[in-house]
PDB file of N, CA and C in Angstrom:
ATOM      1  N   MET A   1      11.571   1.948  -1.602  1.00  0.00           N
ATOM      2  CA  MET A   1      10.195   1.819  -1.829  1.00  0.00           C
ATOM      3  C   MET A   1       9.733   2.400  -3.128  1.00  0.00           C
ATOM      4  N   GLN A   2      10.472   3.287  -3.746  1.00  0.00           N
ATOM      5  CA  GLN A   2      10.299   3.942  -5.076  1.00  0.00           C
ATOM      6  C   GLN A   2      10.064   2.883  -6.094  1.00  0.00           C
ATOM      7  N   LEU A   3      10.980   1.907  -6.030  1.00  0.00           N
ATOM      8  CA  LEU A   3      11.006   0.819  -7.082  1.00  0.00           C
ATOM      9  C   LEU A   3       9.654  -0.098  -7.016  1.00  0.00           C
ATOM     10  N   PHE A   4       9.206  -0.383  -5.831  1.00  0.00           N
ATOM     11  CA  PHE A   4       7.962  -1.072  -5.622  1.00  0.00           C
ATOM     12  C   PHE A   4       6.759  -0.221  -6.203  1.00  0.00           C
ATOM     13  N   LEU A   5       6.748   1.127  -6.065  1.00  0.00           N
ATOM     14  CA  LEU A   5       5.642   1.939  -6.472  1.00  0.00           C
ATOM     15  C   LEU A   5       5.719   1.929  -7.939  1.00  0.00           C
ATOM     16  N   ILE A   6       6.779   1.880  -8.591  1.00  0.00           N
ATOM     17  CA  ILE A   6       6.834   1.945 -10.064  1.00  0.00           C
ATOM     18  C   ILE A   6       6.055   0.799 -10.683  1.00  0.00           C
ATOM     19  N   GLY A   7       6.253  -0.341 -10.078  1.00  0.00           N
ATOM     20  CA  GLY A   7       5.579  -1.555 -10.664  1.00  0.00           C
ATOM     21  C   GLY A   7       4.161  -1.771  -9.964  1.00  0.00           C
ATOM     22  N   LEU A   8       3.652  -0.949  -9.152  1.00  0.00           N
ATOM     23  CA  LEU A   8       2.348  -1.123  -8.499  1.00  0.00           C
ATOM     24  C   LEU A   8       1.145  -1.297  -9.548  1.00  0.00           C
ATOM     25  N   PRO A   9       1.122  -0.427 -10.511  1.00  0.00           N
ATOM     26  CA  PRO A   9      -0.049  -0.639 -11.324  1.00  0.00           C
ATOM     27  C   PRO A   9      -0.100  -1.988 -12.148  1.00  0.00           C
ATOM     28  N   VAL A  10       0.931  -2.647 -12.407  1.00  0.00           N
ATOM     29  CA  VAL A  10       0.969  -3.882 -13.060  1.00  0.00           C
ATOM     30  C   VAL A  10       0.647  -4.959 -11.961  1.00  0.00           C
ATOM     31  N   GLN A  11       1.243  -4.850 -10.850  1.00  0.00           N
ATOM     32  CA  GLN A  11       1.125  -5.873  -9.755  1.00  0.00           C
ATOM     33  C   GLN A  11       0.044  -5.593  -8.714  1.00  0.00           C
ATOM     34  N   ILE A  12      -0.935  -4.811  -9.046  1.00  0.00           N
ATOM     35  CA  ILE A  12      -1.912  -4.435  -8.076  1.00  0.00           C
ATOM     36  C   ILE A  12      -2.751  -5.678  -7.552  1.00  0.00           C
ATOM     37  N   ASP A  13      -2.804  -6.680  -8.273  1.00  0.00           N
ATOM     38  CA  ASP A  13      -3.533  -7.876  -7.900  1.00  0.00           C
ATOM     39  C   ASP A  13      -2.746  -8.840  -7.304  1.00  0.00           C
ATOM     40  N   ASN A  14      -1.424  -8.688  -7.105  1.00  0.00           N
ATOM     41  CA  ASN A  14      -0.504  -9.640  -6.536  1.00  0.00           C
ATOM     42  C   ASN A  14      -0.379  -9.290  -4.954  1.00  0.00           C
ATOM     43  N   TYR A  15      -1.043 -10.173  -4.208  1.00  0.00           N
ATOM     44  CA  TYR A  15      -1.032  -9.920  -2.774  1.00  0.00           C
ATOM     45  C   TYR A  15       0.343 -10.026  -2.131  1.00  0.00           C
ATOM     46  N   LYS A  16       1.241 -10.848  -2.684  1.00  0.00           N
ATOM     47  CA  LYS A  16       2.553 -10.896  -2.136  1.00  0.00           C
ATOM     48  C   LYS A  16       3.432  -9.704  -2.444  1.00  0.00           C
ATOM     49  N   TYR A  17       3.004  -9.037  -3.591  1.00  0.00           N
ATOM     50  CA  TYR A  17       3.831  -7.825  -4.066  1.00  0.00           C
ATOM     51  C   TYR A  17       3.334  -6.664  -2.905  1.00  0.00           C
ATOM     52  N   LEU A  18       1.976  -6.611  -2.772  1.00  0.00           N
ATOM     53  CA  LEU A  18       1.449  -5.722  -1.879  1.00  0.00           C
ATOM     54  C   LEU A  18       2.055  -5.857  -0.506  1.00  0.00           C
ATOM     55  N   GLN A  19       2.122  -7.065   0.033  1.00  0.00           N
ATOM     56  CA  GLN A  19       2.629  -7.303   1.393  1.00  0.00           C
ATOM     57  C   GLN A  19       4.096  -6.773   1.380  1.00  0.00           C
ATOM     58  N   SER A  20       4.909  -7.100   0.459  1.00  0.00           N
ATOM     59  CA  SER A  20       6.171  -6.670   0.419  1.00  0.00           C
ATOM     60  C   SER A  20       6.350  -5.211   0.374  1.00  0.00           C
ATOM     61  N   LEU A  21       5.541  -4.499  -0.381  1.00  0.00           N
ATOM     62  CA  LEU A  21       5.371  -3.021  -0.464  1.00  0.00           C
ATOM     63  C   LEU A  21       5.218  -2.457   0.936  1.00  0.00           C
ATOM     64  N   GLU A  22       4.180  -3.094   1.604  1.00  0.00           N
ATOM     65  CA  GLU A  22       3.734  -2.533   2.962  1.00  0.00           C
ATOM     66  C   GLU A  22       4.899  -2.802   3.914  1.00  0.00           C
ATOM     67  N   LYS A  23       5.549  -3.801   3.967  1.00  0.00           N
ATOM     68  CA  LYS A  23       6.624  -4.086   4.822  1.00  0.00           C
ATOM     69  C   LYS A  23       7.933  -3.123   4.528  1.00  0.00           C
ATOM     70  N   THR A  24       8.076  -2.826   3.406  1.00  0.00           N
ATOM     71  CA  THR A  24       9.114  -1.893   2.994  1.00  0.00           C
ATOM     72  C   THR A  24       8.741  -0.449   3.361  1.00  0.00           C
ATOM     73  N   ALA A  25       7.532  -0.149   3.165  1.00  0.00           N
ATOM     74  CA  ALA A  25       7.060   1.091   3.749  1.00  0.00           C
ATOM     75  C   ALA A  25       7.124   1.318   5.164  1.00  0.00           C
ATOM     76  N   ASP A  26       6.824   0.255   5.907  1.00  0.00           N
ATOM     77  CA  ASP A  26       6.852   0.294   7.287  1.00  0.00           C
ATOM     78  C   ASP A  26       8.329   0.513   7.757  1.00  0.00           C
ATOM     79  N   ARG A  27       9.361  -0.230   7.229  1.00  0.00           N
ATOM     80  CA  ARG A  27      10.731  -0.193   7.558  1.00  0.00           C
ATOM     81  C   ARG A  27      11.263   1.184   7.185  1.00  0.00           C
ATOM     82  N   CYS A  28      10.766   1.796   6.113  1.00  0.00           N
ATOM     83  CA  CYS A  28      11.353   3.206   5.734  1.00  0.00           C
ATOM     84  C   CYS A  28      10.488   4.279   6.345  1.00  0.00           C
ATOM     85  N   ASP A  29       9.580   3.997   7.151  1.00  0.00           N
ATOM     86  CA  ASP A  29       8.607   4.909   7.933  1.00  0.00           C
ATOM     87  C   ASP A  29       7.942   5.839   6.864  1.00  0.00           C
ATOM     88  N   ARG A  30       7.382   5.043   5.943  1.00  0.00           N
ATOM     89  CA  ARG A  30       6.548   5.775   4.905  1.00  0.00           C
ATOM     90  C   ARG A  30       5.176   5.200   4.700  1.00  0.00           C
ATOM     91  N   LEU A  31       4.697   4.657   5.706  1.00  0.00           N
ATOM     92  CA  LEU A  31       3.277   4.104   5.582  1.00  0.00           C
ATOM     93  C   LEU A  31       2.293   5.097   5.206  1.00  0.00           C
ATOM     94  N   GLU A  32       2.293   6.465   5.706  1.00  0.00           N
ATOM     95  CA  GLU A  32       1.438   7.472   5.232  1.00  0.00           C
ATOM     96  C   GLU A  32       1.477   7.685   3.776  1.00  0.00           C
ATOM     97  N   ASP A  33       2.670   7.632   3.227  1.00  0.00           N
ATOM     98  CA  ASP A  33       2.785   7.746   1.692  1.00  0.00           C
ATOM     99  C   ASP A  33       2.110   6.654   0.981  1.00  0.00           C
ATOM    100  N   LEU A  34       2.249   5.461   1.603  1.00  0.00           N
ATOM    101  CA  LEU A  34       1.707   4.240   1.052  1.00  0.00           C
ATOM    102  C   LEU A  34       0.105   4.328   0.998  1.00  0.00           C
ATOM    103  N   VAL A  35      -0.415   4.799   2.117  1.00  0.00           N
ATOM    104  CA  VAL A  35      -1.801   4.884   2.292  1.00  0.00           C
ATOM    105  C   VAL A  35      -2.452   5.910   1.283  1.00  0.00           C
ATOM    106  N   ILE A  36      -1.645   6.944   0.951  1.00  0.00           N
ATOM    107  CA  ILE A  36      -2.071   8.004  -0.021  1.00  0.00           C
ATOM    108  C   ILE A  36      -2.059   7.420  -1.343  1.00  0.00           C
ATOM    109  N   THR A  37      -1.022   6.569  -1.657  1.00  0.00           N
ATOM    110  CA  THR A  37      -0.849   5.925  -2.990  1.00  0.00           C
ATOM    111  C   THR A  37      -2.058   4.878  -3.008  1.00  0.00           C
ATOM    112  N   TYR A  38      -2.333   4.075  -2.042  1.00  0.00           N
ATOM    113  CA  TYR A  38      -3.480   3.188  -2.118  1.00  0.00           C
ATOM    114  C   TYR A  38      -4.785   3.832  -2.291  1.00  0.00           C
ATOM    115  N   GLU A  39      -4.951   4.910  -1.703  1.00  0.00           N
ATOM    116  CA  GLU A  39      -6.174   5.691  -1.860  1.00  0.00           C
ATOM    117  C   GLU A  39      -6.431   6.101  -3.299  1.00  0.00           C
ATOM    118  N   GLN A  40      -5.356   6.549  -4.015  1.00  0.00           N
ATOM    119  CA  GLN A  40      -5.492   6.920  -5.479  1.00  0.00           C
ATOM    120  C   GLN A  40      -5.889   5.729  -6.304  1.00  0.00           C
ATOM    121  N   TYR A  41      -5.578   4.406  -5.944  1.00  0.00           N
ATOM    122  CA  TYR A  41      -5.861   3.303  -6.844  1.00  0.00           C
ATOM    123  C   TYR A  41      -7.127   2.628  -6.297  1.00  0.00           C
ATOM    124  N   ALA A  42      -7.646   2.988  -5.104  1.00  0.00           N
ATOM    125  CA  ALA A  42      -8.714   2.293  -4.522  1.00  0.00           C
ATOM    126  C   ALA A  42      -9.984   2.403  -5.268  1.00  0.00           C
ATOM    127  N   PRO A  43     -10.343   3.495  -5.969  1.00  0.00           N
ATOM    128  CA  PRO A  43     -11.637   3.398  -6.795  1.00  0.00           C
ATOM    129  C   PRO A  43     -11.632   2.387  -7.847  1.00  0.00           C
ATOM    130  N   GLU A  44     -10.460   2.108  -8.354  1.00  0.00           N
ATOM    131  CA  GLU A  44     -10.371   0.981  -9.319  1.00  0.00           C
ATOM    132  C   GLU A  44     -10.208  -0.352  -8.792  1.00  0.00           C
ATOM    133  N   GLN A  45      -9.551  -0.432  -7.680  1.00  0.00           N
ATOM    134  CA  GLN A  45      -9.266  -1.774  -6.961  1.00  0.00           C
ATOM    135  C   GLN A  45      -9.851  -1.720  -5.570  1.00  0.00           C
ATOM    136  N   LYS A  46     -11.164  -2.221  -5.422  1.00  0.00           N
ATOM    137  CA  LYS A  46     -11.923  -1.958  -4.154  1.00  0.00           C
ATOM    138  C   LYS A  46     -11.131  -2.721  -2.972  1.00  0.00           C
ATOM    139  N   LYS A  47     -10.445  -3.821  -3.227  1.00  0.00           N
ATOM    140  CA  LYS A  47      -9.738  -4.375  -2.127  1.00  0.00           C
ATOM    141  C   LYS A  47      -8.787  -3.549  -1.423  1.00  0.00           C
ATOM    142  N   LEU A  48      -8.283  -2.581  -2.018  1.00  0.00           N
ATOM    143  CA  LEU A  48      -7.338  -1.619  -1.386  1.00  0.00           C
ATOM    144  C   LEU A  48      -7.950  -0.901  -0.200  1.00  0.00           C
ATOM    145  N   TYR A  49      -9.178  -0.624  -0.196  1.00  0.00           N
ATOM    146  CA  TYR A  49      -9.808  -0.019   0.860  1.00  0.00           C
ATOM    147  C   TYR A  49      -9.700  -0.616   2.224  1.00  0.00           C
ATOM    148  N   SER A  50      -9.712  -2.027   2.106  1.00  0.00           N
ATOM    149  CA  SER A  50      -9.435  -2.731   3.456  1.00  0.00           C
ATOM    150  C   SER A  50      -7.923  -2.764   3.782  1.00  0.00           C
ATOM    151  N   ARG A  51      -7.060  -2.594   2.927  1.00  0.00           N
ATOM    152  CA  ARG A  51      -5.697  -2.444   3.214  1.00  0.00           C
ATOM    153  C   ARG A  51      -5.398  -1.027   3.820  1.00  0.00           C
ATOM    154  N   VAL A  52      -6.108  -0.099   3.199  1.00  0.00           N
ATOM    155  CA  VAL A  52      -5.942   1.360   3.798  1.00  0.00           C
ATOM    156  C   VAL A  52      -6.364   1.252   5.325  1.00  0.00           C
ATOM    157  N   LYS A  53      -7.594   0.771   5.519  1.00  0.00           N
ATOM    158  CA  LYS A  53      -8.211   0.650   6.797  1.00  0.00           C
ATOM    159  C   LYS A  53      -7.237  -0.006   7.730  1.00  0.00           C
ATOM    160  N   ARG A  54      -6.680  -1.144   7.448  1.00  0.00           N
ATOM    161  CA  ARG A  54      -5.718  -1.870   8.236  1.00  0.00           C
ATOM    162  C   ARG A  54      -4.416  -1.015   8.639  1.00  0.00           C
ATOM    163  N   LEU A  55      -3.874  -0.384   7.440  1.00  0.00           N
ATOM    164  CA  LEU A  55      -2.673   0.353   7.625  1.00  0.00           C
ATOM    165  C   LEU A  55      -2.945   1.577   8.535  1.00  0.00           C
ATOM    166  N   ARG A  56      -4.066   2.241   8.473  1.00  0.00           N
ATOM    167  CA  ARG A  56      -4.388   3.281   9.322  1.00  0.00           C
ATOM    168  C   ARG A  56      -4.454   3.020  10.703  1.00  0.00           C
ATOM    169  N   LYS A  57      -5.086   1.796  11.065  1.00  0.00           N
ATOM    170  CA  LYS A  57      -5.057   1.286  12.410  1.00  0.00           C
ATOM    171  C   LYS A  57      -3.563   0.999  12.903  1.00  0.00           C
ATOM    172  N   TYR A  58      -2.905   0.499  11.990  1.00  0.00           N
ATOM    173  CA  TYR A  58      -1.498   0.271  12.436  1.00  0.00           C
ATOM    174  C   TYR A  58      -0.666   1.575  12.688  1.00  0.00           C
ATOM    175  N   ILE A  59      -0.778   2.584  11.862  1.00  0.00           N
ATOM    176  CA  ILE A  59      -0.244   3.864  12.039  1.00  0.00           C
ATOM    177  C   ILE A  59      -0.639   4.530  13.254  1.00  0.00           C
ATOM    178  N   ASP A  60      -2.020   4.488  13.626  1.00  0.00           N
ATOM    179  CA  ASP A  60      -2.409   5.190  14.729  1.00  0.00           C
ATOM    180  C   ASP A  60      -1.976   4.530  16.152  1.00  0.00           C
ATOM    181  N   LYS A  61      -1.367   3.475  16.068  1.00  0.00           N
ATOM    182  CA  LYS A  61      -0.967   2.804  17.326  1.00  0.00           C
ATOM    183  C   LYS A  61       0.235   3.518  18.001  1.00  0.00           C
TER     184      LYS A  61
END
């Protein structure tokens, strides 16, 4: 997952990249870490707020 996070600032608009990152975080049981990372970038990229909301619902199940 760390390799995906390194490229996140450059790939923040690439929905396939974000989907791969989320799938990897899920498999590594690190969705909470990903939500925190998304929240850091969300003020600059508003679409991340919806991804955070969706991931939180998934985590709470």
